[in-house]
Amino acid sequence: MIYPSIDKLLNIVDSKYQLVHIAARRSKEITVTGHLQMPSNKYVSKKNIGRALEEIAEGYIKIRQ
């Protein structure tokens, strides 16, 4: 995984396990609904898991503690 970097994501999310859980849930949601937070031409990744990670990095997904 090149983009977004794991260091940037771990500044937003406390642990790797929580990051995986959030990204997997969002990826499944994208698959089922087809709804994206950003315009599709702004994503670097073509796969839903990468798109979910990009949304987390850009702050479109808020993390509740």
PDB file of N, CA and C in Angstrom:
ATOM      1  N   MET A   1       0.848  -1.163   0.000  1.00  0.00           N
ATOM      2  CA  MET A   1       0.000   0.000   0.000  1.00  0.00           C
ATOM      3  C   MET A   1       0.899   1.233   0.000  1.00  0.00           C
ATOM      4  N   ILE A   2       0.807   2.040  -1.020  1.00  0.00           N
ATOM      5  CA  ILE A   2       1.634   3.226  -1.145  1.00  0.00           C
ATOM      6  C   ILE A   2       0.874   4.470  -0.692  1.00  0.00           C
ATOM      7  N   TYR A   3      -0.367   4.586  -1.113  1.00  0.00           N
ATOM      8  CA  TYR A   3      -1.147   5.768  -0.772  1.00  0.00           C
ATOM      9  C   TYR A   3      -2.474   5.356  -0.184  1.00  0.00           C
ATOM     10  N   PRO A   4      -2.925   5.902   0.855  1.00  0.00           N
ATOM     11  CA  PRO A   4      -2.268   6.814   1.779  1.00  0.00           C
ATOM     12  C   PRO A   4      -1.298   6.056   2.683  1.00  0.00           C
ATOM     13  N   SER A   5      -0.339   6.769   3.224  1.00  0.00           N
ATOM     14  CA  SER A   5       0.683   6.102   4.031  1.00  0.00           C
ATOM     15  C   SER A   5       0.101   5.654   5.370  1.00  0.00           C
ATOM     16  N   ILE A   6       0.646   4.568   5.866  1.00  0.00           N
ATOM     17  CA  ILE A   6       0.180   4.004   7.132  1.00  0.00           C
ATOM     18  C   ILE A   6       0.451   4.964   8.283  1.00  0.00           C
ATOM     19  N   ASP A   7       1.523   5.740   8.187  1.00  0.00           N
ATOM     20  CA  ASP A   7       1.847   6.705   9.245  1.00  0.00           C
ATOM     21  C   ASP A   7       0.770   7.788   9.351  1.00  0.00           C
ATOM     22  N   LYS A   8       0.303   8.279   8.225  1.00  0.00           N
ATOM     23  CA  LYS A   8      -0.751   9.297   8.226  1.00  0.00           C
ATOM     24  C   LYS A   8      -2.052   8.725   8.788  1.00  0.00           C
ATOM     25  N   LEU A   9      -2.360   7.484   8.411  1.00  0.00           N
ATOM     26  CA  LEU A   9      -3.588   6.856   8.900  1.00  0.00           C
ATOM     27  C   LEU A   9      -3.536   6.575  10.392  1.00  0.00           C
ATOM     28  N   LEU A  10      -2.365   6.192  10.904  1.00  0.00           N
ATOM     29  CA  LEU A  10      -2.259   5.894  12.333  1.00  0.00           C
ATOM     30  C   LEU A  10      -2.255   7.157  13.194  1.00  0.00           C
ATOM     31  N   ASN A  11      -2.080   8.327  12.581  1.00  0.00           N
ATOM     32  CA  ASN A  11      -2.268   9.577  13.328  1.00  0.00           C
ATOM     33  C   ASN A  11      -3.752   9.867  13.525  1.00  0.00           C
ATOM     34  N   ILE A  12      -4.582   9.307  12.660  1.00  0.00           N
ATOM     35  CA  ILE A  12      -6.024   9.520  12.735  1.00  0.00           C
ATOM     36  C   ILE A  12      -6.684   8.441  13.586  1.00  0.00           C
ATOM     37  N   VAL A  13      -6.278   7.190  13.378  1.00  0.00           N
ATOM     38  CA  VAL A  13      -6.842   6.033  14.085  1.00  0.00           C
ATOM     39  C   VAL A  13      -5.803   5.532  15.085  1.00  0.00           C
ATOM     40  N   ASP A  14      -6.247   5.107  16.259  1.00  0.00           N
ATOM     41  CA  ASP A  14      -5.322   4.731  17.323  1.00  0.00           C
ATOM     42  C   ASP A  14      -4.541   3.454  17.066  1.00  0.00           C
ATOM     43  N   SER A  15      -5.157   2.456  16.465  1.00  0.00           N
ATOM     44  CA  SER A  15      -4.467   1.182  16.289  1.00  0.00           C
ATOM     45  C   SER A  15      -4.680   0.618  14.888  1.00  0.00           C
ATOM     46  N   LYS A  16      -3.792  -0.265  14.499  1.00  0.00           N
ATOM     47  CA  LYS A  16      -3.891  -0.910  13.189  1.00  0.00           C
ATOM     48  C   LYS A  16      -5.153  -1.757  13.096  1.00  0.00           C
ATOM     49  N   TYR A  17      -5.525  -2.388  14.192  1.00  0.00           N
ATOM     50  CA  TYR A  17      -6.696  -3.258  14.208  1.00  0.00           C
ATOM     51  C   TYR A  17      -7.980  -2.458  13.995  1.00  0.00           C
ATOM     52  N   GLN A  18      -8.051  -1.324  14.645  1.00  0.00           N
ATOM     53  CA  GLN A  18      -9.223  -0.462  14.463  1.00  0.00           C
ATOM     54  C   GLN A  18      -9.266   0.076  13.032  1.00  0.00           C
ATOM     55  N   LEU A  19      -8.117   0.404  12.477  1.00  0.00           N
ATOM     56  CA  LEU A  19      -8.041   0.883  11.098  1.00  0.00           C
ATOM     57  C   LEU A  19      -8.540  -0.174  10.122  1.00  0.00           C
ATOM     58  N   VAL A  20      -8.130  -1.410  10.313  1.00  0.00           N
ATOM     59  CA  VAL A  20      -8.570  -2.507   9.448  1.00  0.00           C
ATOM     60  C   VAL A  20     -10.076  -2.698   9.560  1.00  0.00           C
ATOM     61  N   HIS A  21     -10.597  -2.651  10.762  1.00  0.00           N
ATOM     62  CA  HIS A  21     -12.029  -2.841  10.988  1.00  0.00           C
ATOM     63  C   HIS A  21     -12.844  -1.741  10.299  1.00  0.00           C
ATOM     64  N   ILE A  22     -12.427  -0.493  10.471  1.00  0.00           N
ATOM     65  CA  ILE A  22     -13.158   0.632   9.887  1.00  0.00           C
ATOM     66  C   ILE A  22     -13.080   0.585   8.363  1.00  0.00           C
ATOM     67  N   ALA A  23     -11.893   0.326   7.826  1.00  0.00           N
ATOM     68  CA  ALA A  23     -11.726   0.289   6.369  1.00  0.00           C
ATOM     69  C   ALA A  23     -12.518  -0.861   5.754  1.00  0.00           C
ATOM     70  N   ALA A  24     -12.546  -2.015   6.408  1.00  0.00           N
ATOM     71  CA  ALA A  24     -13.295  -3.156   5.877  1.00  0.00           C
ATOM     72  C   ALA A  24     -14.795  -2.868   5.861  1.00  0.00           C
ATOM     73  N   ARG A  25     -15.300  -2.273   6.936  1.00  0.00           N
ATOM     74  CA  ARG A  25     -16.727  -1.936   6.980  1.00  0.00           C
ATOM     75  C   ARG A  25     -17.101  -0.926   5.910  1.00  0.00           C
ATOM     76  N   ARG A  26     -16.258   0.087   5.725  1.00  0.00           N
ATOM     77  CA  ARG A  26     -16.544   1.098   4.707  1.00  0.00           C
ATOM     78  C   ARG A  26     -16.429   0.513   3.303  1.00  0.00           C
ATOM     79  N   SER A  27     -15.476  -0.366   3.100  1.00  0.00           N
ATOM     80  CA  SER A  27     -15.310  -1.008   1.800  1.00  0.00           C
ATOM     81  C   SER A  27     -16.537  -1.838   1.442  1.00  0.00           C
ATOM     82  N   LYS A  28     -17.058  -2.581   2.401  1.00  0.00           N
ATOM     83  CA  LYS A  28     -18.275  -3.362   2.162  1.00  0.00           C
ATOM     84  C   LYS A  28     -19.462  -2.448   1.883  1.00  0.00           C
ATOM     85  N   GLU A  29     -19.521  -1.324   2.580  1.00  0.00           N
ATOM     86  CA  GLU A  29     -20.603  -0.369   2.365  1.00  0.00           C
ATOM     87  C   GLU A  29     -20.539   0.219   0.950  1.00  0.00           C
ATOM     88  N   ILE A  30     -19.330   0.522   0.482  1.00  0.00           N
ATOM     89  CA  ILE A  30     -19.162   1.029  -0.885  1.00  0.00           C
ATOM     90  C   ILE A  30     -19.608  -0.027  -1.889  1.00  0.00           C
ATOM     91  N   THR A  31     -19.264  -1.282  -1.637  1.00  0.00           N
ATOM     92  CA  THR A  31     -19.637  -2.366  -2.540  1.00  0.00           C
ATOM     93  C   THR A  31     -21.146  -2.519  -2.629  1.00  0.00           C
ATOM     94  N   VAL A  32     -21.823  -2.460  -1.502  1.00  0.00           N
ATOM     95  CA  VAL A  32     -23.267  -2.672  -1.468  1.00  0.00           C
ATOM     96  C   VAL A  32     -24.031  -1.478  -2.033  1.00  0.00           C
ATOM     97  N   THR A  33     -23.671  -0.270  -1.595  1.00  0.00           N
ATOM     98  CA  THR A  33     -24.448   0.904  -1.974  1.00  0.00           C
ATOM     99  C   THR A  33     -23.914   1.620  -3.210  1.00  0.00           C
ATOM    100  N   GLY A  34     -22.618   1.543  -3.436  1.00  0.00           N
ATOM    101  CA  GLY A  34     -22.012   2.268  -4.545  1.00  0.00           C
ATOM    102  C   GLY A  34     -21.822   3.749  -4.255  1.00  0.00           C
ATOM    103  N   HIS A  35     -22.091   4.173  -3.032  1.00  0.00           N
ATOM    104  CA  HIS A  35     -21.975   5.582  -2.651  1.00  0.00           C
ATOM    105  C   HIS A  35     -20.535   5.898  -2.263  1.00  0.00           C
ATOM    106  N   LEU A  36     -19.968   6.946  -2.878  1.00  0.00           N
ATOM    107  CA  LEU A  36     -18.612   7.397  -2.573  1.00  0.00           C
ATOM    108  C   LEU A  36     -18.671   8.776  -1.936  1.00  0.00           C
ATOM    109  N   GLN A  37     -17.755   9.056  -1.027  1.00  0.00           N
ATOM    110  CA  GLN A  37     -17.726  10.348  -0.345  1.00  0.00           C
ATOM    111  C   GLN A  37     -17.128  11.438  -1.225  1.00  0.00           C
ATOM    112  N   MET A  38     -16.169  11.089  -2.072  1.00  0.00           N
ATOM    113  CA  MET A  38     -15.509  12.055  -2.948  1.00  0.00           C
ATOM    114  C   MET A  38     -15.912  11.756  -4.387  1.00  0.00           C
ATOM    115  N   PRO A  39     -15.700  12.707  -5.287  1.00  0.00           N
ATOM    116  CA  PRO A  39     -15.920  12.404  -6.706  1.00  0.00           C
ATOM    117  C   PRO A  39     -14.984  11.274  -7.151  1.00  0.00           C
ATOM    118  N   SER A  40     -15.460  10.401  -7.998  1.00  0.00           N
ATOM    119  CA  SER A  40     -14.690   9.204  -8.348  1.00  0.00           C
ATOM    120  C   SER A  40     -13.378   9.512  -9.054  1.00  0.00           C
ATOM    121  N   ASN A  41     -13.235  10.662  -9.686  1.00  0.00           N
ATOM    122  CA  ASN A  41     -11.974  10.974 -10.356  1.00  0.00           C
ATOM    123  C   ASN A  41     -10.894  11.464  -9.390  1.00  0.00           C
ATOM    124  N   LYS A  42     -11.237  11.727  -8.135  1.00  0.00           N
ATOM    125  CA  LYS A  42     -10.260  12.180  -7.142  1.00  0.00           C
ATOM    126  C   LYS A  42      -9.582  11.031  -6.405  1.00  0.00           C
ATOM    127  N   TYR A  43     -10.075   9.818  -6.554  1.00  0.00           N
ATOM    128  CA  TYR A  43      -9.477   8.664  -5.888  1.00  0.00           C
ATOM    129  C   TYR A  43      -8.237   8.205  -6.636  1.00  0.00           C
ATOM    130  N   VAL A  44      -7.211   7.846  -5.897  1.00  0.00           N
ATOM    131  CA  VAL A  44      -6.006   7.260  -6.480  1.00  0.00           C
ATOM    132  C   VAL A  44      -6.237   5.772  -6.707  1.00  0.00           C
ATOM    133  N   SER A  45      -6.890   5.111  -5.750  1.00  0.00           N
ATOM    134  CA  SER A  45      -7.142   3.672  -5.810  1.00  0.00           C
ATOM    135  C   SER A  45      -8.365   3.360  -6.663  1.00  0.00           C
ATOM    136  N   LYS A  46      -8.327   2.214  -7.286  1.00  0.00           N
ATOM    137  CA  LYS A  46      -9.476   1.744  -8.051  1.00  0.00           C
ATOM    138  C   LYS A  46     -10.296   0.733  -7.249  1.00  0.00           C
ATOM    139  N   LYS A  47      -9.687   0.147  -6.224  1.00  0.00           N
ATOM    140  CA  LYS A  47     -10.382  -0.844  -5.402  1.00  0.00           C
ATOM    141  C   LYS A  47     -11.048  -0.164  -4.213  1.00  0.00           C
ATOM    142  N   ASN A  48     -12.113  -0.784  -3.741  1.00  0.00           N
ATOM    143  CA  ASN A  48     -12.910  -0.186  -2.665  1.00  0.00           C
ATOM    144  C   ASN A  48     -12.150  -0.075  -1.350  1.00  0.00           C
ATOM    145  N   ILE A  49     -11.281  -1.022  -1.050  1.00  0.00           N
ATOM    146  CA  ILE A  49     -10.533  -0.958   0.212  1.00  0.00           C
ATOM    147  C   ILE A  49      -9.579   0.232   0.197  1.00  0.00           C
ATOM    148  N   GLY A  50      -8.961   0.479  -0.931  1.00  0.00           N
ATOM    149  CA  GLY A  50      -8.091   1.646  -1.062  1.00  0.00           C
ATOM    150  C   GLY A  50      -8.866   2.942  -0.991  1.00  0.00           C
ATOM    151  N   ARG A  51     -10.042   2.943  -1.591  1.00  0.00           N
ATOM    152  CA  ARG A  51     -10.897   4.129  -1.530  1.00  0.00           C
ATOM    153  C   ARG A  51     -11.346   4.405  -0.106  1.00  0.00           C
ATOM    154  N   ALA A  52     -11.651   3.356   0.647  1.00  0.00           N
ATOM    155  CA  ALA A  52     -12.041   3.525   2.047  1.00  0.00           C
ATOM    156  C   ALA A  52     -10.886   4.125   2.851  1.00  0.00           C
ATOM    157  N   LEU A  53      -9.672   3.658   2.606  1.00  0.00           N
ATOM    158  CA  LEU A  53      -8.508   4.204   3.308  1.00  0.00           C
ATOM    159  C   LEU A  53      -8.270   5.664   2.923  1.00  0.00           C
ATOM    160  N   GLU A  54      -8.491   6.008   1.671  1.00  0.00           N
ATOM    161  CA  GLU A  54      -8.347   7.398   1.244  1.00  0.00           C
ATOM    162  C   GLU A  54      -9.382   8.285   1.925  1.00  0.00           C
ATOM    163  N   GLU A  55     -10.598   7.792   2.076  1.00  0.00           N
ATOM    164  CA  GLU A  55     -11.642   8.566   2.764  1.00  0.00           C
ATOM    165  C   GLU A  55     -11.273   8.796   4.220  1.00  0.00           C
ATOM    166  N   ILE A  56     -10.687   7.806   4.858  1.00  0.00           N
ATOM    167  CA  ILE A  56     -10.245   7.963   6.247  1.00  0.00           C
ATOM    168  C   ILE A  56      -9.139   9.010   6.320  1.00  0.00           C
ATOM    169  N   ALA A  57      -8.185   8.935   5.403  1.00  0.00           N
ATOM    170  CA  ALA A  57      -7.057   9.876   5.402  1.00  0.00           C
ATOM    171  C   ALA A  57      -7.508  11.298   5.129  1.00  0.00           C
ATOM    172  N   GLU A  58      -8.509  11.483   4.307  1.00  0.00           N
ATOM    173  CA  GLU A  58      -8.990  12.815   3.968  1.00  0.00           C
ATOM    174  C   GLU A  58      -9.965  13.378   5.001  1.00  0.00           C
ATOM    175  N   GLY A  59     -10.367  12.569   5.971  1.00  0.00           N
ATOM    176  CA  GLY A  59     -11.243  13.047   7.022  1.00  0.00           C
ATOM    177  C   GLY A  59     -12.729  12.954   6.723  1.00  0.00           C
ATOM    178  N   TYR A  60     -13.093  12.205   5.684  1.00  0.00           N
ATOM    179  CA  TYR A  60     -14.506  12.038   5.356  1.00  0.00           C
ATOM    180  C   TYR A  60     -15.195  11.067   6.303  1.00  0.00           C
ATOM    181  N   ILE A  61     -14.418  10.234   6.968  1.00  0.00           N
ATOM    182  CA  ILE A  61     -14.978   9.279   7.916  1.00  0.00           C
ATOM    183  C   ILE A  61     -14.496   9.686   9.301  1.00  0.00           C
ATOM    184  N   LYS A  62     -15.421   9.955  10.177  1.00  0.00           N
ATOM    185  CA  LYS A  62     -15.097  10.365  11.541  1.00  0.00           C
ATOM    186  C   LYS A  62     -14.986   9.139  12.428  1.00  0.00           C
ATOM    187  N   ILE A  63     -13.963   9.099  13.253  1.00  0.00           N
ATOM    188  CA  ILE A  63     -13.708   7.977  14.142  1.00  0.00           C
ATOM    189  C   ILE A  63     -14.221   8.332  15.536  1.00  0.00           C
ATOM    190  N   ARG A  64     -15.138   7.512  16.047  1.00  0.00           N
ATOM    191  CA  ARG A  64     -15.645   7.705  17.404  1.00  0.00           C
ATOM    192  C   ARG A  64     -14.792   6.897  18.366  1.00  0.00           C
ATOM    193  N   GLN A  65     -14.480   7.509  19.470  1.00  0.00           N
ATOM    194  CA  GLN A  65     -13.661   6.823  20.482  1.00  0.00           C
ATOM    195  C   GLN A  65     -14.523   6.096  21.480  1.00  0.00           C
TER     196      GLN A  65
END
